[in-house]
């Protein structure tokens, strides 16, 4: 055992503190230590991006055609390109759901958030009937709106 004079504390020799070398694991170019499972490819992140400038009328027509097809504008363009080139390109044809909330619904949601915030004082003062009535009003407005999100065209 070694002693550090300033601290008067015993320490094990430095060589005893080091872990034994692992064969090949820490050498440059060697495979990493431990089990390694490669991540599955994320097809939502496509390999490259193309910036396309469009006039207003063309952009409007593109948006309407994409909505009619139930996909995003980007997916619609990728489908047109794949078809024109005769490629299958399944990953490029994919599209995430368009969840855009109309302005009228946003106004209603903002009011509901204010109403929920207004229920806190009633809840803290023990007015359960007032809180339950407020929650019923919020639920009555939210349920049709949320159900309608799934029924709206993309």
C-alpha atoms as a PDB file:
ATOM      1  CA  UNK A   1       0.000   0.000   0.000  1.00  0.00           C
ATOM      2  CA  UNK A   2       1.259   3.466  -0.906  1.00  0.00           C
ATOM      3  CA  UNK A   3       0.751   6.607   1.206  1.00  0.00           C
ATOM      4  CA  UNK A   4       0.245  10.165  -0.003  1.00  0.00           C
ATOM      5  CA  UNK A   5       2.105  12.328   2.471  1.00  0.00           C
ATOM      6  CA  UNK A   6      -0.244  15.340   2.243  1.00  0.00           C
ATOM      7  CA  UNK A   7      -3.333  13.311   3.015  1.00  0.00           C
ATOM      8  CA  UNK A   8      -1.882  10.445   5.029  1.00  0.00           C
ATOM      9  CA  UNK A   9      -4.343   8.166   3.260  1.00  0.00           C
ATOM     10  CA  UNK A  10      -3.447   4.726   1.979  1.00  0.00           C
ATOM     11  CA  UNK A  11      -4.019   3.890  -1.665  1.00  0.00           C
ATOM     12  CA  UNK A  12      -3.684   0.681  -3.635  1.00  0.00           C
ATOM     13  CA  UNK A  13      -0.898   0.704  -6.220  1.00  0.00           C
ATOM     14  CA  UNK A  14      -1.937   2.329  -9.522  1.00  0.00           C
ATOM     15  CA  UNK A  15      -1.584  -0.925 -11.474  1.00  0.00           C
ATOM     16  CA  UNK A  16      -4.136  -2.608  -9.183  1.00  0.00           C
ATOM     17  CA  UNK A  17      -6.755   0.096  -9.964  1.00  0.00           C
ATOM     18  CA  UNK A  18      -6.697  -0.420 -13.725  1.00  0.00           C
ATOM     19  CA  UNK A  19      -8.969  -3.004 -15.306  1.00  0.00           C
ATOM     20  CA  UNK A  20      -7.329  -5.722 -17.380  1.00  0.00           C
ATOM     21  CA  UNK A  21      -7.121  -4.984 -21.110  1.00  0.00           C
ATOM     22  CA  UNK A  22      -9.911  -6.347 -23.277  1.00  0.00           C
ATOM     23  CA  UNK A  23      -8.598  -8.043 -26.418  1.00  0.00           C
ATOM     24  CA  UNK A  24      -9.356  -5.998 -29.520  1.00  0.00           C
ATOM     25  CA  UNK A  25     -12.060  -3.845 -27.917  1.00  0.00           C
ATOM     26  CA  UNK A  26     -10.129  -0.638 -27.457  1.00  0.00           C
ATOM     27  CA  UNK A  27      -7.882  -0.746 -30.506  1.00  0.00           C
ATOM     28  CA  UNK A  28      -8.569   1.584 -33.417  1.00  0.00           C
ATOM     29  CA  UNK A  29     -10.679  -0.161 -36.033  1.00  0.00           C
ATOM     30  CA  UNK A  30     -11.688  -2.936 -33.640  1.00  0.00           C
ATOM     31  CA  UNK A  31     -15.378  -3.724 -33.187  1.00  0.00           C
ATOM     32  CA  UNK A  32     -17.008  -2.021 -30.193  1.00  0.00           C
ATOM     33  CA  UNK A  33     -17.174  -3.829 -26.882  1.00  0.00           C
ATOM     34  CA  UNK A  34     -20.432  -5.345 -25.741  1.00  0.00           C
ATOM     35  CA  UNK A  35     -23.539  -6.276 -27.688  1.00  0.00           C
ATOM     36  CA  UNK A  36     -24.413  -3.866 -30.448  1.00  0.00           C
ATOM     37  CA  UNK A  37     -27.666  -3.988 -32.327  1.00  0.00           C
ATOM     38  CA  UNK A  38     -27.821  -1.640 -35.310  1.00  0.00           C
ATOM     39  CA  UNK A  39     -30.845   0.639 -35.331  1.00  0.00           C
ATOM     40  CA  UNK A  40     -33.548  -0.013 -37.900  1.00  0.00           C
ATOM     41  CA  UNK A  41     -33.489   2.483 -40.781  1.00  0.00           C
ATOM     42  CA  UNK A  42     -35.836   5.424 -40.306  1.00  0.00           C
ATOM     43  CA  UNK A  43     -37.705   5.758 -43.573  1.00  0.00           C
ATOM     44  CA  UNK A  44     -39.374   8.964 -42.368  1.00  0.00           C
ATOM     45  CA  UNK A  45     -36.046  10.740 -42.839  1.00  0.00           C
ATOM     46  CA  UNK A  46     -35.370  10.567 -46.536  1.00  0.00           C
ATOM     47  CA  UNK A  47     -31.840  10.716 -47.914  1.00  0.00           C
ATOM     48  CA  UNK A  48     -31.880  14.123 -49.594  1.00  0.00           C
ATOM     49  CA  UNK A  49     -33.943  17.244 -50.046  1.00  0.00           C
ATOM     50  CA  UNK A  50     -34.810  19.141 -53.230  1.00  0.00           C
ATOM     51  CA  UNK A  51     -35.899  22.772 -53.056  1.00  0.00           C
ATOM     52  CA  UNK A  52     -38.487  23.556 -55.738  1.00  0.00           C
ATOM     53  CA  UNK A  53     -39.842  27.034 -56.384  1.00  0.00           C
ATOM     54  CA  UNK A  54     -43.474  27.188 -57.546  1.00  0.00           C
ATOM     55  CA  UNK A  55     -45.826  29.956 -58.596  1.00  0.00           C
ATOM     56  CA  UNK A  56     -48.864  30.582 -56.408  1.00  0.00           C
ATOM     57  CA  UNK A  57     -51.376  28.941 -58.770  1.00  0.00           C
ATOM     58  CA  UNK A  58     -49.199  25.850 -59.247  1.00  0.00           C
ATOM     59  CA  UNK A  59     -48.680  25.545 -55.500  1.00  0.00           C
ATOM     60  CA  UNK A  60     -52.432  25.825 -54.917  1.00  0.00           C
ATOM     61  CA  UNK A  61     -53.160  23.143 -57.519  1.00  0.00           C
ATOM     62  CA  UNK A  62     -50.498  20.896 -55.971  1.00  0.00           C
ATOM     63  CA  UNK A  63     -51.988  21.318 -52.502  1.00  0.00           C
ATOM     64  CA  UNK A  64     -55.500  20.519 -53.726  1.00  0.00           C
ATOM     65  CA  UNK A  65     -54.323  17.434 -55.646  1.00  0.00           C
ATOM     66  CA  UNK A  66     -52.374  16.207 -52.606  1.00  0.00           C
ATOM     67  CA  UNK A  67     -55.410  16.701 -50.350  1.00  0.00           C
ATOM     68  CA  UNK A  68     -57.577  14.798 -52.827  1.00  0.00           C
ATOM     69  CA  UNK A  69     -55.032  11.941 -52.782  1.00  0.00           C
ATOM     70  CA  UNK A  70     -54.924  12.023 -48.972  1.00  0.00           C
ATOM     71  CA  UNK A  71     -51.193  12.731 -48.711  1.00  0.00           C
ATOM     72  CA  UNK A  72     -48.876  15.641 -48.035  1.00  0.00           C
ATOM     73  CA  UNK A  73     -47.611  17.892 -50.819  1.00  0.00           C
ATOM     74  CA  UNK A  74     -44.130  16.373 -50.585  1.00  0.00           C
ATOM     75  CA  UNK A  75     -45.411  12.801 -50.813  1.00  0.00           C
ATOM     76  CA  UNK A  76     -47.552  13.738 -53.811  1.00  0.00           C
ATOM     77  CA  UNK A  77     -44.558  15.217 -55.638  1.00  0.00           C
ATOM     78  CA  UNK A  78     -42.413  12.176 -54.744  1.00  0.00           C
ATOM     79  CA  UNK A  79     -45.128   9.894 -56.168  1.00  0.00           C
ATOM     80  CA  UNK A  80     -45.263  11.883 -59.412  1.00  0.00           C
ATOM     81  CA  UNK A  81     -41.482  11.721 -59.778  1.00  0.00           C
ATOM     82  CA  UNK A  82     -41.357   7.981 -59.012  1.00  0.00           C
ATOM     83  CA  UNK A  83     -44.124   7.301 -61.542  1.00  0.00           C
ATOM     84  CA  UNK A  84     -42.451   9.444 -64.221  1.00  0.00           C
ATOM     85  CA  UNK A  85     -39.168   7.565 -63.715  1.00  0.00           C
ATOM     86  CA  UNK A  86     -40.839   4.159 -63.514  1.00  0.00           C
ATOM     87  CA  UNK A  87     -39.562   3.446 -60.007  1.00  0.00           C
ATOM     88  CA  UNK A  88     -41.348   1.633 -57.197  1.00  0.00           C
ATOM     89  CA  UNK A  89     -39.763   3.798 -54.416  1.00  0.00           C
ATOM     90  CA  UNK A  90     -42.110   2.643 -51.658  1.00  0.00           C
ATOM     91  CA  UNK A  91     -40.347   4.636 -48.908  1.00  0.00           C
ATOM     92  CA  UNK A  92     -40.641   7.788 -51.020  1.00  0.00           C
ATOM     93  CA  UNK A  93     -44.372   7.333 -51.538  1.00  0.00           C
ATOM     94  CA  UNK A  94     -45.114   7.410 -47.811  1.00  0.00           C
ATOM     95  CA  UNK A  95     -46.791  10.305 -46.099  1.00  0.00           C
ATOM     96  CA  UNK A  96     -47.485  11.240 -42.521  1.00  0.00           C
ATOM     97  CA  UNK A  97     -50.963  12.257 -41.515  1.00  0.00           C
ATOM     98  CA  UNK A  98     -51.899  15.899 -41.969  1.00  0.00           C
ATOM     99  CA  UNK A  99     -53.287  17.107 -38.698  1.00  0.00           C
ATOM    100  CA  UNK A 100     -54.104  20.736 -39.246  1.00  0.00           C
ATOM    101  CA  UNK A 101     -56.698  22.256 -36.975  1.00  0.00           C
ATOM    102  CA  UNK A 102     -58.992  24.868 -38.539  1.00  0.00           C
ATOM    103  CA  UNK A 103     -58.921  28.395 -37.073  1.00  0.00           C
ATOM    104  CA  UNK A 104     -62.483  28.071 -35.729  1.00  0.00           C
ATOM    105  CA  UNK A 105     -61.472  24.963 -33.764  1.00  0.00           C
ATOM    106  CA  UNK A 106     -58.353  26.718 -32.460  1.00  0.00           C
ATOM    107  CA  UNK A 107     -60.520  29.528 -31.080  1.00  0.00           C
ATOM    108  CA  UNK A 108     -62.726  26.961 -29.327  1.00  0.00           C
ATOM    109  CA  UNK A 109     -59.671  25.130 -27.940  1.00  0.00           C
ATOM    110  CA  UNK A 110     -58.216  28.363 -26.569  1.00  0.00           C
ATOM    111  CA  UNK A 111     -61.506  29.079 -24.793  1.00  0.00           C
ATOM    112  CA  UNK A 112     -61.573  25.568 -23.345  1.00  0.00           C
ATOM    113  CA  UNK A 113     -58.032  25.951 -22.028  1.00  0.00           C
ATOM    114  CA  UNK A 114     -59.065  29.207 -20.334  1.00  0.00           C
ATOM    115  CA  UNK A 115     -62.092  27.473 -18.835  1.00  0.00           C
ATOM    116  CA  UNK A 116     -59.977  24.624 -17.453  1.00  0.00           C
ATOM    117  CA  UNK A 117     -57.607  27.207 -15.969  1.00  0.00           C
ATOM    118  CA  UNK A 118     -60.578  28.923 -14.344  1.00  0.00           C
ATOM    119  CA  UNK A 119     -61.553  25.671 -12.615  1.00  0.00           C
ATOM    120  CA  UNK A 120     -58.431  25.631 -10.432  1.00  0.00           C
ATOM    121  CA  UNK A 121     -59.711  28.159  -7.864  1.00  0.00           C
ATOM    122  CA  UNK A 122     -63.005  26.257  -7.580  1.00  0.00           C
ATOM    123  CA  UNK A 123     -61.125  22.981  -7.144  1.00  0.00           C
ATOM    124  CA  UNK A 124     -58.878  24.460  -4.430  1.00  0.00           C
ATOM    125  CA  UNK A 125     -61.844  25.868  -2.532  1.00  0.00           C
ATOM    126  CA  UNK A 126     -63.611  22.486  -2.549  1.00  0.00           C
ATOM    127  CA  UNK A 127     -66.470  23.383  -4.914  1.00  0.00           C
ATOM    128  CA  UNK A 128     -66.698  19.958  -6.535  1.00  0.00           C
ATOM    129  CA  UNK A 129     -70.057  20.615  -8.214  1.00  0.00           C
ATOM    130  CA  UNK A 130     -68.659  23.681  -9.997  1.00  0.00           C
ATOM    131  CA  UNK A 131     -65.561  21.780 -11.128  1.00  0.00           C
ATOM    132  CA  UNK A 132     -67.585  18.819 -12.417  1.00  0.00           C
ATOM    133  CA  UNK A 133     -69.941  21.135 -14.322  1.00  0.00           C
ATOM    134  CA  UNK A 134     -66.948  22.908 -15.901  1.00  0.00           C
ATOM    135  CA  UNK A 135     -65.315  19.611 -16.871  1.00  0.00           C
ATOM    136  CA  UNK A 136     -68.599  18.452 -18.422  1.00  0.00           C
ATOM    137  CA  UNK A 137     -68.724  21.633 -20.563  1.00  0.00           C
ATOM    138  CA  UNK A 138     -65.128  21.128 -21.676  1.00  0.00           C
ATOM    139  CA  UNK A 139     -65.724  17.462 -22.482  1.00  0.00           C
ATOM    140  CA  UNK A 140     -68.923  18.264 -24.412  1.00  0.00           C
ATOM    141  CA  UNK A 141     -66.961  20.639 -26.658  1.00  0.00           C
ATOM    142  CA  UNK A 142     -63.823  18.489 -27.020  1.00  0.00           C
ATOM    143  CA  UNK A 143     -65.313  15.103 -27.885  1.00  0.00           C
ATOM    144  CA  UNK A 144     -66.979  16.121 -31.189  1.00  0.00           C
ATOM    145  CA  UNK A 145     -63.888  18.095 -32.170  1.00  0.00           C
ATOM    146  CA  UNK A 146     -61.489  15.200 -31.526  1.00  0.00           C
ATOM    147  CA  UNK A 147     -63.766  12.696 -33.257  1.00  0.00           C
ATOM    148  CA  UNK A 148     -63.995  15.094 -36.207  1.00  0.00           C
ATOM    149  CA  UNK A 149     -60.195  15.210 -36.582  1.00  0.00           C
ATOM    150  CA  UNK A 150     -60.198  11.603 -37.776  1.00  0.00           C
ATOM    151  CA  UNK A 151     -63.088  12.209 -40.172  1.00  0.00           C
ATOM    152  CA  UNK A 152     -61.597  15.267 -41.903  1.00  0.00           C
ATOM    153  CA  UNK A 153     -59.874  14.800 -45.258  1.00  0.00           C
ATOM    154  CA  UNK A 154     -56.104  15.150 -45.151  1.00  0.00           C
END
